[in-house]
Amino acid sequence: MPLRRLAALLVTLTLPTAALAASTAYPLSVDNCGQTLTITHAPQKTVTIGQAATEMLYALGLGKQVVGTSLWFNPVLPEYQALNDNIDRLADNAPSFESVIGKRPDFVPVQFEWMVGPQGAVGTREQFQDLHIPTYILPSDCEGKNNRVGADGTRLEAFRVDTLYKSLRQLAQIYDVQDRGEQLITRYQQRLAHAVTQASTHDGQPVSALFWFSSPDLNVDPYVAGRKGIPNFMLDTLGMRNVIDSDEEWPTVGWETIAKANPDVLVIARMDRRRFPADDHEKKLAFLRSDPVTRNMDAVKNNRIVIMDASAMESSVRLFDGIEQLAQATLAR
């Protein structure tokens, strides 16, 4: 679909509706990633596992219901800094099961199934259910995705932004703040439509790109975005092309293969996490400009490198910041 037509369609879909959402009737049943949750009341003591889940609740105005957070990639968004400063951070990375249940939560929203799932780093959903604690996995990490194949799962279907909106709608319903949820979704839809409109003014051949998230070591194959994940959604939406064709969420691909594809633009993740050496975007830049294979790539020689918040590459409220940044980079090329 041409970008101008897509932009017009997105604007039409974002027109606000006058009707107010009905209040939540408890107990509420929610289908979530292969399980049916029963929510008996609006949660009052929430522990989040994953920055995306945390910031979704903050965006919905639910910070006072959060008693603990974990799994952070970057500092909280500035508008939530004061709120976040008064909430316990259980861990920068994966929290222990004991630390989560120690907060006596009545609800645990989770960003990734590899945190809470069949092989969860924190625990299984059954472990939480045995304690009558419902766990909610963000739908974007399970719908159309097999998390048992590949290091970060394999997409069976391309990511759809509707799964992000679904998270916001379901969380808003669970906490009985439906109107806030719909208002938030409308704002995000309008921002997405605006980014598409911006990109539609770009003339010329489709821009090719590569997203580099991190690497276990700078001398090994990097984790790059596959063709069905969130970064690829951004590229497709803006009429750009991913040079990687793997269905894995973040496959490892050799630099020789990447250099041969010679993407027009490189997008590298910026994060405060320091699990791997290549988490540091400055080290990524130094590598790209010094390695004999990468330094001759057109994007490196012409400094067409976009430094993007790592959380904008995930199904989070920051995705819209990322797509706006990418649209601007396309215009600047």
C-alpha atoms as a PDB file:
ATOM      1  CA  MET A   1       0.000   0.000   0.000  1.00  0.00           C
ATOM      2  CA  PRO A   2       1.496   3.431  -0.920  1.00  0.00           C
ATOM      3  CA  LEU A   3       2.586   5.438   2.128  1.00  0.00           C
ATOM      4  CA  ARG A   4       0.255   8.378   1.445  1.00  0.00           C
ATOM      5  CA  ARG A   5      -2.756   6.053   1.249  1.00  0.00           C
ATOM      6  CA  LEU A   6      -1.631   4.256   4.416  1.00  0.00           C
ATOM      7  CA  ALA A   7      -1.256   7.580   6.237  1.00  0.00           C
ATOM      8  CA  ALA A   8      -4.790   8.615   5.229  1.00  0.00           C
ATOM      9  CA  LEU A   9      -6.153   5.273   6.439  1.00  0.00           C
ATOM     10  CA  LEU A  10      -4.344   5.600   9.792  1.00  0.00           C
ATOM     11  CA  VAL A  11      -5.778   9.088  10.324  1.00  0.00           C
ATOM     12  CA  THR A  12      -9.282   7.769   9.642  1.00  0.00           C
ATOM     13  CA  LEU A  13      -8.788   4.945  12.130  1.00  0.00           C
ATOM     14  CA  THR A  14      -7.654   7.351  14.844  1.00  0.00           C
ATOM     15  CA  LEU A  15     -10.736   9.575  14.815  1.00  0.00           C
ATOM     16  CA  PRO A  16     -11.966   9.740  18.443  1.00  0.00           C
ATOM     17  CA  THR A  17     -15.266   8.231  19.442  1.00  0.00           C
ATOM     18  CA  ALA A  18     -17.760   9.940  21.727  1.00  0.00           C
ATOM     19  CA  ALA A  19     -18.838   6.837  23.627  1.00  0.00           C
ATOM     20  CA  LEU A  20     -17.302   6.188  27.024  1.00  0.00           C
ATOM     21  CA  ALA A  21     -16.157   2.691  27.907  1.00  0.00           C
ATOM     22  CA  ALA A  22     -18.203   0.768  30.441  1.00  0.00           C
ATOM     23  CA  SER A  23     -16.749   0.116  33.893  1.00  0.00           C
ATOM     24  CA  THR A  24     -15.107  -3.247  34.455  1.00  0.00           C
ATOM     25  CA  ALA A  25     -17.337  -5.923  35.922  1.00  0.00           C
ATOM     26  CA  TYR A  26     -15.410  -8.238  38.246  1.00  0.00           C
ATOM     27  CA  PRO A  27     -14.598 -11.068  38.224  1.00  0.00           C
ATOM     28  CA  LEU A  28     -13.075 -10.410  34.821  1.00  0.00           C
ATOM     29  CA  SER A  29     -11.854 -13.177  32.492  1.00  0.00           C
ATOM     30  CA  VAL A  30      -8.930 -12.306  30.212  1.00  0.00           C
ATOM     31  CA  ASP A  31      -7.460 -14.599  27.546  1.00  0.00           C
ATOM     32  CA  ASN A  32      -3.697 -14.153  27.678  1.00  0.00           C
ATOM     33  CA  CYS A  33      -1.018 -16.134  25.885  1.00  0.00           C
ATOM     34  CA  GLY A  34      -2.782 -19.479  26.108  1.00  0.00           C
ATOM     35  CA  GLN A  35      -4.231 -19.018  29.575  1.00  0.00           C
ATOM     36  CA  THR A  36      -7.459 -17.566  30.926  1.00  0.00           C
ATOM     37  CA  LEU A  37      -6.897 -15.169  33.792  1.00  0.00           C
ATOM     38  CA  THR A  38      -9.533 -14.455  36.401  1.00  0.00           C
ATOM     39  CA  ILE A  39      -9.168 -10.962  37.852  1.00  0.00           C
ATOM     40  CA  THR A  40     -11.316 -10.535  40.955  1.00  0.00           C
ATOM     41  CA  HIS A  41     -10.621  -6.832  41.572  1.00  0.00           C
ATOM     42  CA  ALA A  42      -8.636  -3.891  40.228  1.00  0.00           C
ATOM     43  CA  PRO A  43      -5.032  -4.675  41.249  1.00  0.00           C
ATOM     44  CA  GLN A  44      -3.606  -2.572  44.052  1.00  0.00           C
ATOM     45  CA  LYS A  45      -0.139  -4.137  44.504  1.00  0.00           C
ATOM     46  CA  THR A  46       1.546  -4.750  41.159  1.00  0.00           C
ATOM     47  CA  VAL A  47       5.078  -5.968  40.505  1.00  0.00           C
ATOM     48  CA  THR A  48       6.284  -5.505  36.936  1.00  0.00           C
ATOM     49  CA  ILE A  49       8.889  -7.628  35.152  1.00  0.00           C
ATOM     50  CA  GLY A  50      10.093  -5.634  32.162  1.00  0.00           C
ATOM     51  CA  GLN A  51      10.478  -1.927  31.485  1.00  0.00           C
ATOM     52  CA  ALA A  52       7.833  -1.974  28.743  1.00  0.00           C
ATOM     53  CA  ALA A  53       5.186  -3.281  31.153  1.00  0.00           C
ATOM     54  CA  THR A  54       6.233  -0.750  33.797  1.00  0.00           C
ATOM     55  CA  GLU A  55       6.004   2.244  31.495  1.00  0.00           C
ATOM     56  CA  MET A  56       2.668   1.090  30.071  1.00  0.00           C
ATOM     57  CA  LEU A  57       1.202   1.222  33.581  1.00  0.00           C
ATOM     58  CA  TYR A  58       2.788   4.617  34.206  1.00  0.00           C
ATOM     59  CA  ALA A  59       1.345   5.911  30.915  1.00  0.00           C
ATOM     60  CA  LEU A  60      -2.088   4.674  32.030  1.00  0.00           C
ATOM     61  CA  GLY A  61      -1.745   6.658  35.264  1.00  0.00           C
ATOM     62  CA  LEU A  62      -1.369   3.535  37.407  1.00  0.00           C
ATOM     63  CA  GLY A  63       1.973   4.233  39.093  1.00  0.00           C
ATOM     64  CA  LYS A  64       0.427   4.299  42.568  1.00  0.00           C
ATOM     65  CA  GLN A  65      -0.596   0.668  42.128  1.00  0.00           C
ATOM     66  CA  VAL A  66       2.999  -0.430  41.377  1.00  0.00           C
ATOM     67  CA  VAL A  67       5.035  -1.655  44.381  1.00  0.00           C
ATOM     68  CA  GLY A  68       8.061  -3.087  42.567  1.00  0.00           C
ATOM     69  CA  THR A  69       9.772  -3.060  39.152  1.00  0.00           C
ATOM     70  CA  SER A  70      12.535  -5.012  37.414  1.00  0.00           C
ATOM     71  CA  LEU A  71      14.306  -5.716  34.102  1.00  0.00           C
ATOM     72  CA  TRP A  72      15.410  -2.268  32.966  1.00  0.00           C
ATOM     73  CA  PHE A  73      17.331  -1.352  29.801  1.00  0.00           C
ATOM     74  CA  ASN A  74      17.447   2.430  30.191  1.00  0.00           C
ATOM     75  CA  PRO A  75      16.403   5.118  32.691  1.00  0.00           C
ATOM     76  CA  VAL A  76      12.669   5.611  33.056  1.00  0.00           C
ATOM     77  CA  LEU A  77      11.069   8.205  30.787  1.00  0.00           C
ATOM     78  CA  PRO A  78      11.658  11.687  32.275  1.00  0.00           C
ATOM     79  CA  GLU A  79       7.959  12.354  32.870  1.00  0.00           C
ATOM     80  CA  TYR A  80       7.809   9.361  35.225  1.00  0.00           C
ATOM     81  CA  GLN A  81      11.105   9.950  37.046  1.00  0.00           C
ATOM     82  CA  ALA A  82       9.633  11.391  40.264  1.00  0.00           C
ATOM     83  CA  LEU A  83       7.028   8.632  40.426  1.00  0.00           C
ATOM     84  CA  ASN A  84       9.541   5.877  39.705  1.00  0.00           C
ATOM     85  CA  ASP A  85      11.983   7.155  42.344  1.00  0.00           C
ATOM     86  CA  ASN A  86       9.475   6.166  45.045  1.00  0.00           C
ATOM     87  CA  ILE A  87       8.940   2.602  43.794  1.00  0.00           C
ATOM     88  CA  ASP A  88      11.232  -0.285  44.744  1.00  0.00           C
ATOM     89  CA  ARG A  89      13.464  -1.583  41.955  1.00  0.00           C
ATOM     90  CA  LEU A  90      13.829  -5.282  42.706  1.00  0.00           C
ATOM     91  CA  ALA A  91      16.537  -5.821  40.077  1.00  0.00           C
ATOM     92  CA  ASP A  92      18.056  -4.125  37.058  1.00  0.00           C
ATOM     93  CA  ASN A  93      17.780  -7.435  35.216  1.00  0.00           C
ATOM     94  CA  ALA A  94      15.772 -10.555  36.113  1.00  0.00           C
ATOM     95  CA  PRO A  95      14.435 -10.498  39.691  1.00  0.00           C
ATOM     96  CA  SER A  96      14.330 -13.599  41.833  1.00  0.00           C
ATOM     97  CA  PHE A  97      10.999 -15.333  42.304  1.00  0.00           C
ATOM     98  CA  GLU A  98      11.344 -14.745  46.036  1.00  0.00           C
ATOM     99  CA  SER A  99      11.832 -10.989  45.627  1.00  0.00           C
ATOM    100  CA  VAL A 100       8.696 -10.728  43.495  1.00  0.00           C
ATOM    101  CA  ILE A 101       6.393 -12.665  45.806  1.00  0.00           C
ATOM    102  CA  GLY A 102       8.006 -10.916  48.778  1.00  0.00           C
ATOM    103  CA  LYS A 103       6.145  -7.756  47.727  1.00  0.00           C
ATOM    104  CA  ARG A 104       2.870  -9.719  48.071  1.00  0.00           C
ATOM    105  CA  PRO A 105       1.566  -8.644  44.652  1.00  0.00           C
ATOM    106  CA  ASP A 106      -1.960  -9.221  43.442  1.00  0.00           C
ATOM    107  CA  PHE A 107      -0.924  -8.894  39.782  1.00  0.00           C
ATOM    108  CA  VAL A 108       2.332  -9.378  37.822  1.00  0.00           C
ATOM    109  CA  PRO A 109       2.539  -8.050  34.241  1.00  0.00           C
ATOM    110  CA  VAL A 110       5.539  -9.407  32.314  1.00  0.00           C
ATOM    111  CA  GLN A 111       7.254  -8.122  29.158  1.00  0.00           C
ATOM    112  CA  PHE A 112       8.851 -11.373  27.987  1.00  0.00           C
ATOM    113  CA  GLU A 113       7.705 -14.977  28.232  1.00  0.00           C
ATOM    114  CA  TRP A 114      11.300 -16.049  28.860  1.00  0.00           C
ATOM    115  CA  MET A 115      10.989 -14.243  32.212  1.00  0.00           C
ATOM    116  CA  VAL A 116       7.768 -15.947  33.312  1.00  0.00           C
ATOM    117  CA  GLY A 117       6.824 -18.966  31.224  1.00  0.00           C
ATOM    118  CA  PRO A 118       7.570 -22.661  30.685  1.00  0.00           C
ATOM    119  CA  GLN A 119      11.320 -22.022  31.085  1.00  0.00           C
ATOM    120  CA  GLY A 120      11.039 -18.692  32.870  1.00  0.00           C
ATOM    121  CA  ALA A 121      14.158 -17.096  34.318  1.00  0.00           C
ATOM    122  CA  VAL A 122      12.002 -15.828  37.197  1.00  0.00           C
ATOM    123  CA  GLY A 123       9.526 -18.688  37.391  1.00  0.00           C
ATOM    124  CA  THR A 124       6.605 -20.366  35.666  1.00  0.00           C
ATOM    125  CA  ARG A 125       3.089 -19.039  35.492  1.00  0.00           C
ATOM    126  CA  GLU A 126       1.981 -22.089  37.463  1.00  0.00           C
ATOM    127  CA  GLN A 127       4.271 -21.143  40.356  1.00  0.00           C
ATOM    128  CA  PHE A 128       2.561 -17.774  40.586  1.00  0.00           C
ATOM    129  CA  GLN A 129      -0.890 -19.262  40.092  1.00  0.00           C
ATOM    130  CA  ASP A 130      -0.292 -21.650  42.999  1.00  0.00           C
ATOM    131  CA  LEU A 131      -0.025 -18.514  45.141  1.00  0.00           C
ATOM    132  CA  HIS A 132      -3.164 -17.012  43.519  1.00  0.00           C
ATOM    133  CA  ILE A 133      -1.124 -14.328  41.752  1.00  0.00           C
ATOM    134  CA  PRO A 134      -2.237 -13.779  38.129  1.00  0.00           C
ATOM    135  CA  THR A 135       0.559 -13.131  35.623  1.00  0.00           C
ATOM    136  CA  TYR A 136      -0.044 -11.220  32.403  1.00  0.00           C
ATOM    137  CA  ILE A 137       2.367 -11.607  29.459  1.00  0.00           C
ATOM    138  CA  LEU A 138       2.365  -8.748  26.948  1.00  0.00           C
ATOM    139  CA  PRO A 139       0.553 -10.252  23.896  1.00  0.00           C
ATOM    140  CA  SER A 140       3.227  -8.964  21.512  1.00  0.00           C
ATOM    141  CA  ASP A 141       5.645 -11.532  22.957  1.00  0.00           C
ATOM    142  CA  CYS A 142       3.447 -14.571  22.461  1.00  0.00           C
ATOM    143  CA  GLU A 143       0.895 -13.988  19.702  1.00  0.00           C
ATOM    144  CA  GLY A 144       2.275 -15.221  16.392  1.00  0.00           C
ATOM    145  CA  LYS A 145       5.543 -16.171  18.082  1.00  0.00           C
ATOM    146  CA  ASN A 146       7.238 -19.362  19.306  1.00  0.00           C
ATOM    147  CA  ASN A 147       9.507 -18.531  22.237  1.00  0.00           C
ATOM    148  CA  ARG A 148      10.985 -22.042  22.337  1.00  0.00           C
ATOM    149  CA  VAL A 149      12.829 -21.618  19.025  1.00  0.00           C
ATOM    150  CA  GLY A 150      15.821 -19.297  18.734  1.00  0.00           C
ATOM    151  CA  ALA A 151      17.584 -17.335  21.456  1.00  0.00           C
ATOM    152  CA  ASP A 152      14.823 -14.717  21.688  1.00  0.00           C
ATOM    153  CA  GLY A 153      12.028 -16.660  20.046  1.00  0.00           C
ATOM    154  CA  THR A 154      10.928 -16.950  16.423  1.00  0.00           C
ATOM    155  CA  ARG A 155       8.130 -14.981  14.828  1.00  0.00           C
ATOM    156  CA  LEU A 156       5.563 -17.165  13.092  1.00  0.00           C
ATOM    157  CA  GLU A 157       3.764 -14.020  11.956  1.00  0.00           C
ATOM    158  CA  ALA A 158       4.978 -10.458  11.507  1.00  0.00           C
ATOM    159  CA  PHE A 159       4.592  -8.203  14.555  1.00  0.00           C
ATOM    160  CA  ARG A 160       1.406  -6.163  14.479  1.00  0.00           C
ATOM    161  CA  VAL A 161       1.122  -2.903  16.393  1.00  0.00           C
ATOM    162  CA  ASP A 162      -2.419  -4.012  17.295  1.00  0.00           C
ATOM    163  CA  THR A 163      -0.858  -6.357  19.861  1.00  0.00           C
ATOM    164  CA  LEU A 164       0.628  -3.321  21.633  1.00  0.00           C
ATOM    165  CA  TYR A 165      -2.752  -1.596  21.597  1.00  0.00           C
ATOM    166  CA  LYS A 166      -4.275  -4.847  22.870  1.00  0.00           C
ATOM    167  CA  SER A 167      -1.924  -4.761  25.874  1.00  0.00           C
ATOM    168  CA  LEU A 168      -2.993  -1.228  26.695  1.00  0.00           C
ATOM    169  CA  ARG A 169      -6.687  -2.039  26.305  1.00  0.00           C
ATOM    170  CA  GLN A 170      -6.510  -5.184  28.416  1.00  0.00           C
ATOM    171  CA  LEU A 171      -4.455  -3.536  31.144  1.00  0.00           C
ATOM    172  CA  ALA A 172      -6.861  -0.589  31.162  1.00  0.00           C
ATOM    173  CA  GLN A 173      -9.773  -3.006  31.543  1.00  0.00           C
ATOM    174  CA  ILE A 174      -8.050  -4.988  34.294  1.00  0.00           C
ATOM    175  CA  TYR A 175      -7.483  -1.781  36.295  1.00  0.00           C
ATOM    176  CA  ASP A 176     -10.844  -0.252  35.306  1.00  0.00           C
ATOM    177  CA  VAL A 177      -9.345   2.776  33.520  1.00  0.00           C
ATOM    178  CA  GLN A 178     -10.692   2.060  30.034  1.00  0.00           C
ATOM    179  CA  ASP A 179     -11.124   5.685  29.003  1.00  0.00           C
ATOM    180  CA  ARG A 180      -7.481   6.426  29.765  1.00  0.00           C
ATOM    181  CA  GLY A 181      -6.507   3.435  27.662  1.00  0.00           C
ATOM    182  CA  GLU A 182      -8.516   4.546  24.635  1.00  0.00           C
ATOM    183  CA  GLN A 183      -7.196   8.112  24.867  1.00  0.00           C
ATOM    184  CA  LEU A 184      -3.636   6.827  25.019  1.00  0.00           C
ATOM    185  CA  ILE A 185      -4.115   4.510  22.038  1.00  0.00           C
ATOM    186  CA  THR A 186      -5.614   7.349  19.991  1.00  0.00           C
ATOM    187  CA  ARG A 187      -2.559   9.539  20.689  1.00  0.00           C
ATOM    188  CA  TYR A 188      -0.192   6.753  19.632  1.00  0.00           C
ATOM    189  CA  GLN A 189      -2.176   6.068  16.460  1.00  0.00           C
ATOM    190  CA  GLN A 190      -2.004   9.743  15.545  1.00  0.00           C
ATOM    191  CA  ARG A 191       1.759   9.817  16.097  1.00  0.00           C
ATOM    192  CA  LEU A 192       2.178   6.737  13.918  1.00  0.00           C
ATOM    193  CA  ALA A 193       0.084   8.311  11.154  1.00  0.00           C
ATOM    194  CA  HIS A 194       2.174  11.491  11.324  1.00  0.00           C
ATOM    195  CA  ALA A 195       5.427   9.521  11.008  1.00  0.00           C
ATOM    196  CA  VAL A 196       4.071   7.729   7.943  1.00  0.00           C
ATOM    197  CA  THR A 197       3.067  11.077   6.413  1.00  0.00           C
ATOM    198  CA  GLN A 198       6.586  12.395   7.010  1.00  0.00           C
ATOM    199  CA  ALA A 199       8.210   9.370   5.405  1.00  0.00           C
ATOM    200  CA  SER A 200       5.883   9.561   2.404  1.00  0.00           C
ATOM    201  CA  THR A 201       7.573  12.815   1.338  1.00  0.00           C
ATOM    202  CA  HIS A 202      10.862  10.967   0.763  1.00  0.00           C
ATOM    203  CA  ASP A 203      11.654  10.489  -2.902  1.00  0.00           C
ATOM    204  CA  GLY A 204      13.890   7.856  -4.425  1.00  0.00           C
ATOM    205  CA  GLN A 205      14.545   4.155  -3.975  1.00  0.00           C
ATOM    206  CA  PRO A 206      13.453   2.374  -0.764  1.00  0.00           C
ATOM    207  CA  VAL A 207      16.045   2.800   1.978  1.00  0.00           C
ATOM    208  CA  SER A 208      17.606  -0.418   3.296  1.00  0.00           C
ATOM    209  CA  ALA A 209      18.533  -0.728   6.957  1.00  0.00           C
ATOM    210  CA  LEU A 210      19.945  -2.968   9.669  1.00  0.00           C
ATOM    211  CA  PHE A 211      19.120  -2.872  13.400  1.00  0.00           C
ATOM    212  CA  TRP A 212      21.972  -3.920  15.744  1.00  0.00           C
ATOM    213  CA  PHE A 213      20.795  -4.529  19.307  1.00  0.00           C
ATOM    214  CA  SER A 214      23.911  -5.961  20.981  1.00  0.00           C
ATOM    215  CA  SER A 215      26.504  -8.762  20.860  1.00  0.00           C
ATOM    216  CA  PRO A 216      27.854 -11.186  23.476  1.00  0.00           C
ATOM    217  CA  ASP A 217      31.275  -9.855  22.459  1.00  0.00           C
ATOM    218  CA  LEU A 218      32.382  -7.310  19.893  1.00  0.00           C
ATOM    219  CA  ASN A 219      34.350  -9.953  18.026  1.00  0.00           C
ATOM    220  CA  VAL A 220      31.394 -12.298  17.448  1.00  0.00           C
ATOM    221  CA  ASP A 221      28.297 -12.166  15.261  1.00  0.00           C
ATOM    222  CA  PRO A 222      25.871  -9.431  16.367  1.00  0.00           C
ATOM    223  CA  TYR A 223      22.242  -9.736  17.419  1.00  0.00           C
ATOM    224  CA  VAL A 224      20.301  -8.014  14.638  1.00  0.00           C
ATOM    225  CA  ALA A 225      16.602  -7.558  13.964  1.00  0.00           C
ATOM    226  CA  GLY A 226      14.824 -10.289  12.009  1.00  0.00           C
ATOM    227  CA  ARG A 227      12.269  -9.696   9.301  1.00  0.00           C
ATOM    228  CA  LYS A 228       9.129 -10.164  11.421  1.00  0.00           C
ATOM    229  CA  GLY A 229       9.872  -8.324  14.664  1.00  0.00           C
ATOM    230  CA  ILE A 230       9.235  -4.805  15.973  1.00  0.00           C
ATOM    231  CA  PRO A 231      12.107  -3.052  14.120  1.00  0.00           C
ATOM    232  CA  ASN A 232      10.947  -4.609  10.858  1.00  0.00           C
ATOM    233  CA  PHE A 233       7.451  -3.285  11.552  1.00  0.00           C
ATOM    234  CA  MET A 234       8.947   0.206  11.746  1.00  0.00           C
ATOM    235  CA  LEU A 235      10.819  -0.282   8.480  1.00  0.00           C
ATOM    236  CA  ASP A 236       7.792  -1.686   6.641  1.00  0.00           C
ATOM    237  CA  THR A 237       5.559   1.082   7.960  1.00  0.00           C
ATOM    238  CA  LEU A 238       7.945   3.735   6.656  1.00  0.00           C
ATOM    239  CA  GLY A 239       8.533   2.051   3.311  1.00  0.00           C
ATOM    240  CA  MET A 240      12.056   0.899   4.190  1.00  0.00           C
ATOM    241  CA  ARG A 241      13.649  -2.536   3.742  1.00  0.00           C
ATOM    242  CA  ASN A 242      15.362  -4.827   6.246  1.00  0.00           C
ATOM    243  CA  VAL A 243      18.495  -6.518   4.853  1.00  0.00           C
ATOM    244  CA  ILE A 244      17.988  -9.484   7.237  1.00  0.00           C
ATOM    245  CA  ASP A 245      15.512 -12.207   6.231  1.00  0.00           C
ATOM    246  CA  SER A 246      15.545 -14.460   9.317  1.00  0.00           C
ATOM    247  CA  ASP A 247      12.264 -15.169  11.164  1.00  0.00           C
ATOM    248  CA  GLU A 248      14.065 -15.180  14.518  1.00  0.00           C
ATOM    249  CA  GLU A 249      13.399 -12.155  16.710  1.00  0.00           C
ATOM    250  CA  TRP A 250      17.096 -11.262  17.101  1.00  0.00           C
ATOM    251  CA  PRO A 251      19.218 -13.679  15.045  1.00  0.00           C
ATOM    252  CA  THR A 252      23.015 -13.575  14.998  1.00  0.00           C
ATOM    253  CA  VAL A 253      24.410 -12.731  11.566  1.00  0.00           C
ATOM    254  CA  GLY A 254      28.055 -12.405  10.522  1.00  0.00           C
ATOM    255  CA  TRP A 255      29.494  -9.009   9.651  1.00  0.00           C
ATOM    256  CA  GLU A 256      30.745 -10.306   6.305  1.00  0.00           C
ATOM    257  CA  THR A 257      27.145 -11.136   5.350  1.00  0.00           C
ATOM    258  CA  ILE A 258      25.944  -7.754   6.587  1.00  0.00           C
ATOM    259  CA  ALA A 259      28.707  -5.899   4.735  1.00  0.00           C
ATOM    260  CA  LYS A 260      27.767  -7.708   1.535  1.00  0.00           C
ATOM    261  CA  ALA A 261      24.141  -6.556   1.970  1.00  0.00           C
ATOM    262  CA  ASN A 262      25.540  -3.031   2.560  1.00  0.00           C
ATOM    263  CA  PRO A 263      22.491  -1.371   4.203  1.00  0.00           C
ATOM    264  CA  ASP A 264      21.937   2.346   3.568  1.00  0.00           C
ATOM    265  CA  VAL A 265      21.305   3.006   7.272  1.00  0.00           C
ATOM    266  CA  LEU A 266      22.506   1.345  10.475  1.00  0.00           C
ATOM    267  CA  VAL A 267      20.351   1.630  13.603  1.00  0.00           C
ATOM    268  CA  ILE A 268      22.174   0.781  16.831  1.00  0.00           C
ATOM    269  CA  ALA A 269      20.630   0.348  20.262  1.00  0.00           C
ATOM    270  CA  ARG A 270      21.501   2.639  23.153  1.00  0.00           C
ATOM    271  CA  MET A 271      20.983   1.219  26.634  1.00  0.00           C
ATOM    272  CA  ASP A 272      22.281   1.533  30.185  1.00  0.00           C
ATOM    273  CA  ARG A 273      22.297  -2.240  30.602  1.00  0.00           C
ATOM    274  CA  ARG A 274      25.820  -3.698  30.620  1.00  0.00           C
ATOM    275  CA  ARG A 275      25.171  -7.412  30.302  1.00  0.00           C
ATOM    276  CA  PHE A 276      27.319  -7.643  27.145  1.00  0.00           C
ATOM    277  CA  PRO A 277      30.255  -5.502  25.953  1.00  0.00           C
ATOM    278  CA  ALA A 278      28.253  -4.349  22.926  1.00  0.00           C
ATOM    279  CA  ASP A 279      25.421  -3.034  25.113  1.00  0.00           C
ATOM    280  CA  ASP A 280      27.456   0.206  25.104  1.00  0.00           C
ATOM    281  CA  HIS A 281      26.571   2.127  21.937  1.00  0.00           C
ATOM    282  CA  GLU A 282      29.905   3.990  22.041  1.00  0.00           C
ATOM    283  CA  LYS A 283      31.693   0.651  21.758  1.00  0.00           C
ATOM    284  CA  LYS A 284      29.411  -0.268  18.868  1.00  0.00           C
ATOM    285  CA  LEU A 285      30.377   2.944  17.076  1.00  0.00           C
ATOM    286  CA  ALA A 286      34.088   2.415  17.722  1.00  0.00           C
ATOM    287  CA  PHE A 287      33.852  -1.120  16.366  1.00  0.00           C
ATOM    288  CA  LEU A 288      31.987  -0.092  13.222  1.00  0.00           C
ATOM    289  CA  ARG A 289      34.561   2.599  12.443  1.00  0.00           C
ATOM    290  CA  SER A 290      37.636   0.480  13.098  1.00  0.00           C
ATOM    291  CA  ASP A 291      36.850  -3.074  12.009  1.00  0.00           C
ATOM    292  CA  PRO A 292      38.253  -3.778   8.511  1.00  0.00           C
ATOM    293  CA  VAL A 293      34.968  -5.322   7.365  1.00  0.00           C
ATOM    294  CA  THR A 294      32.477  -2.822   8.782  1.00  0.00           C
ATOM    295  CA  ARG A 295      34.391   0.431   8.267  1.00  0.00           C
ATOM    296  CA  ASN A 296      33.981   0.152   4.477  1.00  0.00           C
ATOM    297  CA  MET A 297      30.190  -0.145   4.600  1.00  0.00           C
ATOM    298  CA  ASP A 298      28.423   2.838   2.987  1.00  0.00           C
ATOM    299  CA  ALA A 299      26.397   3.601   6.122  1.00  0.00           C
ATOM    300  CA  VAL A 300      29.603   3.819   8.190  1.00  0.00           C
ATOM    301  CA  LYS A 301      31.614   5.812   5.646  1.00  0.00           C
ATOM    302  CA  ASN A 302      28.749   8.305   5.229  1.00  0.00           C
ATOM    303  CA  ASN A 303      27.852   8.351   8.950  1.00  0.00           C
ATOM    304  CA  ARG A 304      24.298   7.189   8.307  1.00  0.00           C
ATOM    305  CA  ILE A 305      24.021   5.688  11.784  1.00  0.00           C
ATOM    306  CA  VAL A 306      20.943   6.191  13.959  1.00  0.00           C
ATOM    307  CA  ILE A 307      21.393   5.744  17.713  1.00  0.00           C
ATOM    308  CA  MET A 308      18.039   4.574  19.066  1.00  0.00           C
ATOM    309  CA  ASP A 309      16.742   3.839  22.551  1.00  0.00           C
ATOM    310  CA  ALA A 310      16.767   0.047  22.954  1.00  0.00           C
ATOM    311  CA  SER A 311      13.262   0.129  24.410  1.00  0.00           C
ATOM    312  CA  ALA A 312      12.002   1.767  21.210  1.00  0.00           C
ATOM    313  CA  MET A 313      12.943  -1.483  19.469  1.00  0.00           C
ATOM    314  CA  GLU A 314      10.525  -3.392  21.706  1.00  0.00           C
ATOM    315  CA  SER A 315       6.736  -3.463  21.910  1.00  0.00           C
ATOM    316  CA  SER A 316       6.550  -0.530  24.300  1.00  0.00           C
ATOM    317  CA  VAL A 317       5.238   3.015  24.521  1.00  0.00           C
ATOM    318  CA  ARG A 318       8.676   4.088  23.246  1.00  0.00           C
ATOM    319  CA  LEU A 319       8.123   2.389  19.886  1.00  0.00           C
ATOM    320  CA  PHE A 320       6.484   5.597  18.655  1.00  0.00           C
ATOM    321  CA  ASP A 321       9.557   7.635  19.593  1.00  0.00           C
ATOM    322  CA  GLY A 322      11.618   5.184  17.556  1.00  0.00           C
ATOM    323  CA  ILE A 323       9.447   5.307  14.465  1.00  0.00           C
ATOM    324  CA  GLU A 324       9.429   9.121  14.571  1.00  0.00           C
ATOM    325  CA  GLN A 325      13.226   9.149  14.843  1.00  0.00           C
ATOM    326  CA  LEU A 326      13.532   6.730  11.927  1.00  0.00           C
ATOM    327  CA  ALA A 327      11.164   8.838   9.796  1.00  0.00           C
ATOM    328  CA  GLN A 328      13.353  11.883  10.446  1.00  0.00           C
ATOM    329  CA  ALA A 329      16.485   9.923   9.521  1.00  0.00           C
ATOM    330  CA  THR A 330      14.862   8.881   6.239  1.00  0.00           C
ATOM    331  CA  LEU A 331      14.145  12.514   5.367  1.00  0.00           C
ATOM    332  CA  ALA A 332      17.690  13.552   6.267  1.00  0.00           C
ATOM    333  CA  ARG A 333      19.277  10.965   4.002  1.00  0.00           C
END
